[in-house]
Protein backbone atom coordinates (compact mmCIF):
# COMPACT_ATOMS: atom_id res chain seq x y z
CA MET A 1 50.99 -5.20 -5.15
CA ARG A 2 52.69 -5.42 -8.04
CA ARG A 3 53.46 -2.56 -10.44
CA PRO A 4 50.94 -3.59 -13.07
CA VAL A 5 47.87 -4.16 -10.83
CA ALA A 6 48.90 -0.51 -8.70
CA PHE A 7 48.95 1.56 -11.93
CA LEU A 8 45.74 -0.28 -12.80
CA PHE A 9 44.26 1.10 -9.39
CA ILE A 10 45.91 4.53 -9.61
CA ALA A 11 44.38 4.60 -13.01
CA VAL A 12 40.61 3.78 -12.32
CA ALA A 13 40.57 6.26 -9.43
CA THR A 14 41.79 9.20 -11.03
CA VAL A 15 39.06 8.62 -13.85
CA SER A 16 36.40 7.78 -11.36
CA LEU A 17 37.03 11.31 -9.79
CA ALA A 18 37.45 12.85 -12.94
CA LEU A 19 33.97 11.76 -14.08
CA ALA A 20 32.06 11.34 -11.02
CA GLY A 21 29.67 14.29 -12.14
CA CYS A 22 29.02 12.83 -15.44
CA ALA A 23 25.94 10.83 -16.29
CA ALA A 24 23.96 11.30 -19.51
CA GLY A 25 19.95 11.72 -19.81
CA PRO A 26 18.17 13.91 -17.39
CA ASP A 27 18.46 14.65 -13.46
CA PHE A 28 15.39 13.81 -12.04
CA LYS A 29 13.07 16.50 -10.17
CA ALA A 30 10.09 15.74 -8.15
CA PRO A 31 7.25 17.15 -9.24
CA ALA A 32 6.03 20.48 -7.36
CA ALA A 33 2.59 20.30 -5.37
CA PRO A 34 -0.38 21.54 -6.89
CA GLU A 35 -0.79 24.80 -6.68
CA THR A 36 -4.68 24.69 -5.93
CA GLU A 37 -5.56 25.94 -2.33
CA GLY A 38 -8.79 24.08 -1.26
CA TYR A 39 -10.22 20.66 -1.90
CA THR A 40 -13.95 21.46 -2.74
CA ALA A 41 -15.03 24.06 -4.93
CA GLN A 42 -17.66 25.09 -2.56
CA SER A 43 -17.13 26.18 1.21
CA LEU A 44 -17.58 23.74 4.38
CA PRO A 45 -18.64 24.35 7.30
CA GLU A 46 -16.32 24.48 10.40
CA ARG A 47 -18.50 21.91 11.77
CA THR A 48 -20.99 19.23 11.07
CA ALA A 49 -24.27 19.37 12.46
CA ALA A 50 -25.03 17.78 15.46
CA THR A 51 -27.56 15.18 17.11
CA ALA A 52 -28.84 14.54 20.34
CA VAL A 53 -28.05 10.42 20.00
CA THR A 54 -24.49 8.24 20.16
CA GLY A 55 -22.27 9.03 17.47
CA GLY A 56 -24.47 12.28 16.54
CA ASP A 57 -21.58 14.75 18.28
CA ALA A 58 -20.45 17.64 15.68
CA GLN A 59 -17.07 17.41 13.91
CA HIS A 60 -14.64 19.94 13.63
CA PHE A 61 -12.59 20.04 10.46
CA GLU A 62 -9.14 21.48 11.89
CA PHE A 63 -7.22 22.45 8.31
CA GLY A 64 -3.30 22.68 9.02
CA ARG A 65 -3.59 20.23 11.76
CA ASP A 66 -1.00 17.02 11.66
CA ILE A 67 -2.55 13.79 11.47
CA PRO A 68 -1.54 10.86 14.41
CA GLY A 69 0.40 8.31 13.32
CA GLN A 70 -1.75 6.13 15.34
CA TRP A 71 -5.05 7.86 13.91
CA TRP A 72 -7.54 4.47 15.03
CA THR A 73 -7.06 5.45 18.64
CA LEU A 74 -8.91 8.27 18.15
CA PHE A 75 -12.17 6.03 18.33
CA ARG A 76 -11.15 5.21 22.08
CA SER A 77 -11.48 1.49 21.94
CA PRO A 78 -9.12 -1.03 22.71
CA GLN A 79 -11.19 -3.61 20.89
CA LEU A 80 -10.20 -1.81 17.65
CA ASP A 81 -6.94 -1.02 19.04
CA ALA A 82 -5.77 -4.58 19.78
CA LEU A 83 -7.68 -5.46 16.30
CA VAL A 84 -5.20 -2.94 14.18
CA GLU A 85 -2.17 -4.35 16.14
CA ARG A 86 -2.77 -7.55 16.10
CA ALA A 87 -3.02 -6.92 11.99
CA MET A 88 0.13 -5.15 11.46
CA SER A 89 1.98 -7.87 13.59
CA ASN A 90 0.40 -11.01 11.55
CA TYR A 91 -1.26 -9.81 7.60
CA PRO A 92 0.61 -11.80 5.47
CA ASP A 93 0.44 -9.18 2.96
CA ILE A 94 2.74 -7.03 5.22
CA ALA A 95 5.54 -9.70 5.56
CA ALA A 96 5.47 -10.13 1.23
CA GLN A 97 5.89 -5.80 0.90
CA GLN A 98 9.00 -5.77 3.84
CA ALA A 99 10.47 -8.84 1.83
CA ALA A 100 10.02 -7.13 -1.35
CA LEU A 101 11.65 -3.96 0.28
CA ARG A 102 14.53 -5.98 1.89
CA GLU A 103 15.17 -7.17 -2.14
CA ALA A 104 14.76 -3.73 -3.46
CA ARG A 105 17.35 -2.68 -1.31
CA ASP A 106 19.91 -5.55 -1.62
CA ASN A 107 19.63 -4.99 -5.70
CA VAL A 108 21.35 -1.35 -4.71
CA ARG A 109 24.10 -3.02 -2.79
CA ALA A 110 24.65 -5.14 -5.51
CA GLN A 111 24.61 -2.56 -8.35
CA GLN A 112 26.98 -0.75 -6.05
CA GLY A 113 29.74 -3.11 -6.85
CA ALA A 114 29.66 -2.10 -10.51
CA PHE A 115 31.73 0.83 -9.59
CA ALA A 116 34.08 -1.23 -7.84
CA PRO A 117 37.17 -3.05 -9.50
CA GLN A 118 36.79 -6.48 -10.05
CA VAL A 119 39.17 -8.66 -8.52
CA GLN A 120 39.98 -12.63 -8.95
CA ALA A 121 42.35 -15.21 -8.38
CA ALA A 122 43.37 -18.26 -10.56
CA PHE A 123 45.39 -20.92 -10.11
CA ASN A 124 45.16 -22.93 -13.76
CA GLN A 125 47.17 -26.46 -14.21
CA GLU A 126 47.69 -28.37 -17.95
CA ARG A 127 49.43 -30.95 -19.23
CA ALA A 128 49.67 -31.29 -22.73
CA LYS A 129 51.13 -33.43 -25.40
CA ILE A 130 53.06 -31.17 -28.28
CA SER A 131 54.03 -31.93 -31.46
CA GLY A 132 57.68 -31.74 -32.58
CA ALA A 133 56.09 -31.04 -36.10
CA SER A 134 55.14 -27.14 -34.65
CA ILE A 135 58.92 -26.51 -33.85
CA ALA A 136 60.97 -28.23 -36.94
CA PRO A 137 60.75 -30.81 -39.30
CA GLY A 138 61.52 -34.12 -37.76
CA PHE A 139 61.45 -32.81 -34.35
CA PRO A 140 60.10 -35.45 -31.83
CA GLY A 141 56.95 -34.38 -29.81
CA TYR A 142 56.83 -33.93 -26.04
CA VAL A 143 54.43 -33.97 -23.02
CA THR A 144 54.37 -30.64 -20.87
CA ASN A 145 52.90 -29.21 -17.55
CA LEU A 146 52.23 -25.78 -17.52
CA TYR A 147 51.46 -24.53 -14.11
CA GLN A 148 49.62 -20.50 -13.77
CA ALA A 149 49.06 -18.69 -10.70
CA GLU A 150 47.43 -15.06 -11.56
CA PHE A 151 45.87 -12.23 -9.92
CA ASN A 152 43.35 -10.46 -11.95
CA VAL A 153 41.71 -7.05 -11.74
CA SER A 154 39.21 -5.34 -14.49
CA TYR A 155 36.96 -1.99 -14.19
CA THR A 156 34.64 -0.53 -16.78
CA LEU A 157 34.94 2.72 -16.52
CA ASP A 158 31.50 4.80 -16.06
CA VAL A 159 32.26 7.19 -18.64
CA PHE A 160 28.81 8.41 -19.40
CA GLY A 161 27.29 7.63 -16.51
CA ALA A 162 24.78 4.24 -17.64
CA GLN A 163 25.77 2.38 -14.07
CA ARG A 164 25.29 5.75 -12.05
CA ARG A 165 21.46 5.74 -13.89
CA GLN A 166 20.63 2.36 -13.25
CA LEU A 167 21.90 2.96 -9.80
CA GLU A 168 19.70 5.98 -9.48
CA SER A 169 16.80 3.21 -11.04
CA LEU A 170 17.23 0.63 -8.57
CA ARG A 171 17.51 3.46 -5.45
CA ALA A 172 13.61 4.53 -6.93
CA GLN A 173 12.72 1.05 -6.69
CA VAL A 174 13.81 1.36 -3.42
CA ALA A 175 11.56 4.44 -2.79
CA TYR A 176 8.77 2.64 -4.53
CA GLN A 177 8.89 -0.18 -2.20
CA ASP A 178 8.92 1.88 0.79
CA PHE A 179 5.61 3.47 -0.29
CA THR A 180 4.25 0.41 -1.25
CA LEU A 181 4.60 -1.25 2.27
CA GLU A 182 3.73 2.09 3.63
CA ALA A 183 0.32 1.81 1.57
CA SER A 184 -0.31 -1.61 2.45
CA TYR A 185 -0.50 -0.29 6.32
CA LEU A 186 -2.70 2.21 5.32
CA THR A 187 -4.72 -0.38 3.63
CA LEU A 188 -4.97 -3.04 6.10
CA THR A 189 -5.44 -0.28 9.59
CA ALA A 190 -8.59 1.40 7.17
CA ASN A 191 -9.87 -1.91 6.62
CA VAL A 192 -9.92 -3.30 10.02
CA ALA A 193 -11.54 -0.79 11.31
CA ALA A 194 -13.97 0.03 8.48
CA THR A 195 -14.87 -3.89 8.74
CA ALA A 196 -15.16 -3.44 12.62
CA ILE A 197 -17.63 -0.67 11.80
CA GLN A 198 -19.38 -3.03 10.01
CA LEU A 199 -19.26 -5.63 12.27
CA ALA A 200 -20.46 -3.26 14.66
CA SER A 201 -23.60 -2.31 12.39
CA ALA A 202 -24.53 -5.25 11.42
CA ARG A 203 -24.67 -6.61 14.86
CA GLU A 204 -26.94 -3.43 16.18
CA GLN A 205 -29.32 -4.30 13.19
CA ILE A 206 -29.73 -7.45 13.99
CA ALA A 207 -30.40 -6.43 17.21
CA ALA A 208 -33.17 -3.69 16.42
CA THR A 209 -34.68 -6.55 13.77
CA ASN A 210 -35.35 -8.62 16.84
CA GLU A 211 -36.93 -6.11 18.97
CA ILE A 212 -39.37 -5.65 16.16
CA ILE A 213 -39.58 -9.17 16.00
CA ALA A 214 -40.82 -9.03 19.47
CA VAL A 215 -43.51 -6.50 19.20
CA GLU A 216 -44.69 -8.06 15.99
CA GLN A 217 -44.76 -11.43 17.46
CA LYS A 218 -46.81 -9.51 20.40
CA GLN A 219 -49.18 -7.64 18.38
CA LEU A 220 -50.09 -10.73 15.94
CA GLY A 221 -50.91 -12.73 19.37
CA ILE A 222 -53.44 -9.97 20.20
CA ILE A 223 -54.95 -9.93 16.58
CA GLN A 224 -55.39 -13.83 16.74
CA ARG A 225 -57.06 -13.24 20.37
CA GLN A 226 -59.41 -11.15 19.06
CA PHE A 227 -60.20 -12.66 15.58
CA GLU A 228 -61.34 -15.75 17.87
CA LEU A 229 -63.54 -13.04 19.73
CA GLY A 230 -64.87 -12.00 16.21
CA THR A 231 -63.61 -8.47 16.11
CA HIS A 232 -60.78 -8.66 13.64
CA THR A 233 -61.04 -10.92 10.35
CA ARG A 234 -58.70 -13.70 8.98
CA ALA A 235 -56.97 -11.28 6.30
CA ASP A 236 -56.06 -8.95 9.68
CA VAL A 237 -54.21 -12.29 10.71
CA LEU A 238 -52.75 -13.48 7.23
CA GLN A 239 -51.49 -9.83 7.28
CA GLN A 240 -49.82 -9.73 10.25
CA GLN A 241 -48.20 -12.84 10.01
CA SER A 242 -46.80 -11.65 6.56
CA ASN A 243 -45.39 -8.86 8.04
CA LEU A 244 -43.64 -10.92 10.75
CA ALA A 245 -42.33 -13.11 8.22
CA SER A 246 -41.47 -10.19 6.19
CA VAL A 247 -39.25 -8.33 9.48
CA ARG A 248 -37.79 -12.00 10.53
CA ALA A 249 -36.78 -12.72 6.58
CA THR A 250 -34.24 -9.84 7.02
CA ILE A 251 -32.61 -11.24 9.70
CA PRO A 252 -30.29 -14.41 7.70
CA GLY A 253 -29.30 -11.02 5.49
CA LEU A 254 -27.62 -9.24 8.39
CA GLN A 255 -26.68 -12.14 9.97
CA GLN A 256 -24.18 -12.88 6.55
CA GLN A 257 -22.79 -9.45 7.25
CA LEU A 258 -22.17 -10.04 10.37
CA ALA A 259 -20.67 -13.16 9.88
CA ALA A 260 -18.72 -12.25 6.78
CA SER A 261 -17.53 -9.14 8.45
CA GLU A 262 -16.01 -11.58 11.51
CA HIS A 263 -14.79 -13.53 8.49
CA GLN A 264 -12.61 -10.64 7.12
CA LEU A 265 -11.55 -9.40 10.52
CA ALA A 266 -9.75 -13.21 10.82
CA VAL A 267 -8.19 -12.73 7.94
CA LEU A 268 -7.00 -9.06 8.23
CA THR A 269 -5.35 -10.42 11.41
CA GLY A 270 -3.69 -13.36 10.39
CA GLN A 271 -5.91 -15.75 11.39
CA PHE A 272 -8.44 -18.72 10.14
CA PRO A 273 -11.74 -17.76 10.34
CA HIS A 274 -12.75 -21.09 12.50
CA ASP A 275 -10.02 -19.85 15.13
CA ALA A 276 -11.01 -16.50 15.53
CA ALA A 277 -12.87 -15.20 18.51
CA PRO A 278 -16.23 -13.59 17.85
CA LEU A 279 -15.52 -9.90 18.43
CA ALA A 280 -18.08 -8.40 21.33
CA LEU A 281 -17.83 -4.61 19.52
CA THR A 282 -20.97 -2.12 19.36
CA LEU A 283 -21.56 1.23 17.35
CA SER A 284 -21.70 2.60 21.26
CA ASP A 285 -18.28 1.33 22.50
CA LEU A 286 -16.68 4.01 19.86
CA THR A 287 -16.35 7.29 20.24
CA LEU A 288 -16.64 9.34 17.03
CA PRO A 289 -13.50 11.81 16.97
CA GLN A 290 -14.82 15.55 17.36
CA GLU A 291 -11.62 17.22 15.84
CA LEU A 292 -10.74 15.76 12.40
CA PRO A 293 -6.79 17.37 11.75
CA VAL A 294 -7.11 17.82 7.98
CA SER A 295 -3.79 18.47 6.00
CA LEU A 296 -3.55 21.39 3.40
CA PRO A 297 -3.51 20.82 0.07
CA SER A 298 0.15 21.66 -0.20
CA ALA A 299 1.16 18.71 1.97
CA LEU A 300 -1.33 16.15 0.79
CA VAL A 301 1.19 14.95 -2.63
CA ALA A 302 3.87 14.10 0.37
CA GLN A 303 1.83 12.41 2.42
CA ARG A 304 0.01 9.97 0.27
CA PRO A 305 1.57 6.71 -0.14
CA ASP A 306 0.13 6.42 -3.60
CA VAL A 307 1.16 9.44 -4.52
CA ARG A 308 5.22 9.00 -3.40
CA GLN A 309 4.76 5.46 -5.21
CA GLN A 310 3.94 6.98 -8.98
CA GLN A 311 6.91 9.65 -8.29
CA ALA A 312 9.11 6.38 -7.70
CA GLN A 313 8.15 5.35 -10.65
CA LEU A 314 8.36 8.48 -12.61
CA HIS A 315 11.47 9.06 -11.28
CA GLN A 316 12.57 5.12 -12.59
CA ALA A 317 11.50 6.63 -15.80
CA SER A 318 13.63 9.50 -15.97
CA ALA A 319 17.00 7.31 -14.81
CA ALA A 320 15.86 5.06 -17.61
CA ILE A 321 16.18 7.88 -19.94
CA GLY A 322 19.84 8.38 -18.98
CA VAL A 323 20.21 4.13 -19.24
CA ALA A 324 19.35 4.17 -22.90
CA THR A 325 21.45 7.47 -23.93
CA ALA A 326 24.71 5.99 -22.53
CA ASN A 327 24.14 2.71 -24.26
CA MET A 328 24.27 4.93 -27.33
CA LEU A 329 28.10 6.31 -26.36
CA PRO A 330 31.29 4.33 -26.19
CA GLN A 331 32.51 2.29 -23.41
CA LEU A 332 35.76 1.80 -21.93
CA SER A 333 37.64 -1.19 -19.93
CA LEU A 334 40.58 -1.54 -18.26
CA GLY A 335 42.27 -5.02 -16.99
CA ALA A 336 45.54 -6.29 -15.79
CA ALA A 337 46.77 -9.42 -14.25
CA THR A 338 49.52 -10.25 -12.66
CA GLY A 339 51.10 -13.77 -11.43
CA ASP A 340 53.63 -16.56 -12.13
CA GLU A 341 54.10 -19.16 -14.53
CA ALA A 342 56.49 -22.48 -14.24
CA LEU A 343 56.74 -25.86 -16.22
CA VAL A 344 57.20 -27.36 -12.73
CA PHE A 345 55.15 -26.62 -9.53
CA SER A 346 58.79 -26.45 -7.47
CA SER A 347 59.47 -23.50 -9.82
CA LEU A 348 56.16 -21.52 -9.75
CA PHE A 349 57.06 -18.81 -7.09
CA LYS A 350 60.35 -18.65 -8.18
CA PRO A 351 62.72 -15.37 -9.51
CA GLY A 352 61.94 -15.42 -13.17
CA SER A 353 58.35 -16.93 -13.08
CA GLY A 354 56.58 -13.54 -12.87
CA ILE A 355 54.19 -12.74 -15.53
CA TRP A 356 52.17 -9.55 -15.93
CA ASP A 357 49.67 -7.66 -18.58
CA ILE A 358 47.71 -4.24 -18.62
CA THR A 359 44.82 -4.32 -21.48
CA SER A 360 42.20 -1.77 -21.86
CA GLY A 361 39.41 -1.70 -24.28
CA LEU A 362 36.91 0.90 -25.92
CA THR A 363 33.94 -0.47 -27.70
CA ALA A 364 31.29 1.83 -29.47
CA PRO A 365 28.09 0.76 -31.46
CA ILE A 366 28.05 2.29 -34.74
CA PHE A 367 25.21 0.41 -36.48
CA GLN A 368 22.73 -1.51 -34.69
CA GLY A 369 19.85 -1.09 -37.00
CA GLY A 370 18.03 1.99 -35.54
CA THR A 371 17.39 -0.19 -32.06
CA LEU A 372 19.52 2.23 -29.32
CA ARG A 373 17.63 5.52 -30.71
CA ALA A 374 14.37 3.48 -30.95
CA LYS A 375 15.06 2.14 -27.06
CA ARG A 376 16.21 6.05 -25.89
CA ARG A 377 12.57 7.18 -27.46
CA ALA A 378 10.75 4.38 -26.21
CA ALA A 379 12.47 5.73 -22.52
CA ILE A 380 10.71 9.20 -23.39
CA ASP A 381 7.46 7.51 -23.67
CA ALA A 382 7.64 5.92 -20.89
CA TYR A 383 8.63 8.56 -19.02
CA GLU A 384 5.38 10.63 -20.70
CA VAL A 385 3.03 7.77 -19.22
CA ALA A 386 4.65 7.71 -16.06
CA ALA A 387 4.13 11.45 -15.70
CA ALA A 388 0.52 11.21 -16.77
CA GLN A 389 -0.07 8.63 -14.23
CA TYR A 390 1.59 10.67 -11.85
CA ARG A 391 -0.96 13.80 -12.42
CA LEU A 392 -3.94 10.83 -12.52
CA THR A 393 -2.89 9.71 -8.88
CA VAL A 394 -2.77 12.82 -7.46
CA LEU A 395 -6.07 14.17 -9.18
CA ASN A 396 -7.74 10.98 -7.91
CA ALA A 397 -6.13 11.85 -4.02
CA PHE A 398 -7.51 15.47 -4.15
CA GLN A 399 -11.07 13.82 -5.08
CA ASN A 400 -10.92 11.61 -2.48
CA VAL A 401 -10.51 13.99 0.34
CA ALA A 402 -12.69 15.95 -1.51
CA ASP A 403 -15.44 13.35 -1.03
CA SER A 404 -14.83 12.34 2.31
CA LEU A 405 -15.31 16.22 3.74
CA THR A 406 -18.69 16.31 1.64
CA ALA A 407 -19.66 12.51 2.94
CA LEU A 408 -18.91 13.74 6.72
CA ALA A 409 -20.87 17.06 6.42
CA HIS A 410 -23.38 15.22 4.80
CA ASP A 411 -23.44 12.04 7.18
CA ALA A 412 -23.85 14.38 9.88
CA GLU A 413 -27.10 16.21 8.21
CA SER A 414 -28.29 12.62 6.90
CA LEU A 415 -28.07 11.37 10.77
CA ASN A 416 -29.86 14.32 12.21
CA ALA A 417 -32.71 13.67 9.48
CA GLN A 418 -32.63 10.49 10.58
CA SER A 419 -32.87 10.96 14.11
CA ASP A 420 -36.44 12.77 13.36
CA VAL A 421 -37.75 10.47 11.45
CA LEU A 422 -37.00 7.70 13.41
CA SER A 423 -38.85 9.74 16.47
CA ALA A 424 -41.58 10.83 14.49
CA ALA A 425 -42.12 6.99 13.03
CA SER A 426 -42.15 6.38 17.03
CA ALA A 427 -44.26 8.71 18.04
CA SER A 428 -46.73 8.08 15.07
CA LEU A 429 -46.47 3.97 15.87
CA ASP A 430 -47.54 5.07 19.45
CA LEU A 431 -50.48 7.12 18.67
CA ILE A 432 -51.93 4.85 15.73
CA GLN A 433 -51.22 1.61 18.39
CA ARG A 434 -53.42 3.37 20.80
CA GLN A 435 -56.30 4.79 18.30
CA TYR A 436 -56.35 1.18 16.72
CA ASP A 437 -56.52 -0.70 20.44
CA ALA A 438 -59.60 1.88 20.79
CA GLY A 439 -61.08 0.88 17.60
CA ALA A 440 -60.37 4.63 16.06
CA VAL A 441 -58.39 3.71 13.16
CA THR A 442 -58.01 0.18 10.66
CA TYR A 443 -55.59 -2.51 10.62
CA VAL A 444 -54.17 -0.50 7.25
CA SER A 445 -53.20 2.34 9.16
CA LEU A 446 -51.47 0.62 11.74
CA LEU A 447 -49.21 -1.81 9.53
CA THR A 448 -48.38 1.32 7.35
CA ALA A 449 -47.09 2.76 10.71
CA GLN A 450 -45.18 -0.85 11.97
CA GLN A 451 -43.48 -0.87 8.29
CA LEU A 452 -42.18 2.99 8.36
CA TYR A 453 -40.86 2.46 12.29
CA GLN A 454 -38.83 -0.71 10.80
CA GLN A 455 -37.64 0.83 7.90
CA SER A 456 -36.47 3.76 9.97
CA ARG A 457 -34.99 2.40 13.03
CA ILE A 458 -32.51 0.24 10.53
CA GLU A 459 -31.76 3.15 8.38
CA PHE A 460 -30.82 5.23 11.66
CA VAL A 461 -28.61 2.13 12.76
CA ARG A 462 -26.61 2.91 8.81
CA ALA A 463 -26.70 6.43 9.11
CA VAL A 464 -24.54 6.50 12.11
CA ALA A 465 -22.26 3.84 10.95
CA SER A 466 -21.62 5.73 8.13
CA ARG A 467 -20.22 8.51 10.22
CA TYR A 468 -17.70 6.01 11.35
CA THR A 469 -17.12 4.64 8.26
CA ASP A 470 -16.41 8.28 6.48
CA THR A 471 -14.18 9.40 9.14
CA ILE A 472 -11.56 6.29 8.33
CA LEU A 473 -12.04 7.17 4.91
CA LEU A 474 -11.17 10.77 5.31
CA PHE A 475 -7.83 9.67 7.62
CA GLN A 476 -7.26 7.20 4.83
CA ALA A 477 -7.40 9.50 1.67
CA LEU A 478 -5.52 12.27 4.11
CA GLY A 479 -2.15 9.95 4.37
CA GLY A 480 -3.20 7.61 7.56
CA GLY A 481 -0.08 9.93 9.12
CA TRP A 482 2.77 7.28 8.70
CA TRP A 483 5.06 9.98 9.40
CA ASN A 484 4.15 10.45 12.64
CA ARG A 485 4.27 6.37 13.88
CA THR A 486 7.45 4.78 15.15
CA ASP A 487 5.71 1.98 17.06
CA SER A 488 7.27 -1.48 17.39
CA GLY A 489 6.14 -3.96 13.99
CA THR A 490 5.53 -0.81 11.48
CA PHE A 491 7.24 0.66 8.40
CA ARG A 492 9.82 2.74 10.20
CA ALA A 493 10.64 -0.10 12.55
CA ALA A 494 10.98 -2.27 9.68
CA LEU A 495 13.35 -0.21 7.69
CA LEU A 496 15.57 0.18 10.59
CA SER A 497 15.44 -3.71 11.16
CA MET A 498 16.56 -3.95 7.59
CA ASP A 499 19.81 -1.81 8.17
CA ARG A 500 22.11 -4.90 8.61
């Protein structure tokens, strides 16, 4: 290594070590966890109400217990497990977020190059005609060749930390993409599970409605025969036909709900709706989780991907203040070059052809019309925006958990009440049907009992489905347990595969 280049390397190393801890702008500190001690103003029961039906088990809130990484397995459905795994492997948005994460990590690697000397090699050949008048009056012109081979080293000293703050910002962007990817996993798994519940609910509502249609059809046949015998009026027949038609009219809407759920599941698992196999899933194929882990409020902000995303954006905004501050201060650069120069190529590397130079430069902003100060104030304003958005995200996270906890308690009460309604409606219909057959009540009484039973049967299925859906929403509101998941194809595995 020639002396000028060696000198530059020594100077760079010395100054870099001296300035290693110096960076303009604030040092970022993550916001402290909220001091609130609970999720709801009213105390929640330790257990929800129980109902002696499928999906009616009591659920116990276990505060402080950690969420399993594969929370969907708590429903004990191999079909649901297979759907989720297929979705995590095939959904296009996951591939997009993984690519975005790789891009962010590569941008960090690119920025790290700014802290190393920039080394270049150059070879130049020049042939030119020189005017003799530039040497002396009457001196004849001549043609000359010039050959140069150089080795250049340059380095911009990060005196006030602009490059370090820029690197800090890019690392915060990596954290943001980390949790954007994890938020995509959480949203995907919750959507798959919730859509599967919607599909099962629609299928059971269709089955219940078809059973009601069969009963109504049978009742119509009886009334028609009685009309022919003269014991019923034409109005009774028309009324029963109208009632049957109104029940049948609900089938297309339920079938559309079922089809839409099937189409959505196809897309979520990376398939075209035409190519996806139908999912034969019913609510009875699922087990309602009875032990519900509920994270402590102090842990929620570290678990929610959206909160961690917003924290990363806050970190980026903090680093941007440092960049804007450093841009207001002087910048120092060093450079050195060594090589050979000759008029004839054969003499290029011979003794006496060596050349070298050392350069340094200092630039400092003097007057730019207030641009740099305004940019720094804008960076501070952007930080305040990010801080307010962070707080709003945290508040929304706590609201999500509170809503889910109270919904589960109320779902259990609703199912209990709806079960009583259905039992009463069924018993009432059975009694009135017998009384009607005996001629003790009018057809209007029978029709009212039938309509009440129809409505309560459908509402009962919906009440069961709500318990499953709101359980999913609780796991999603608590962050989904991503920190406990290590299976292949997931967030952690994706990060490990990117350490290339």
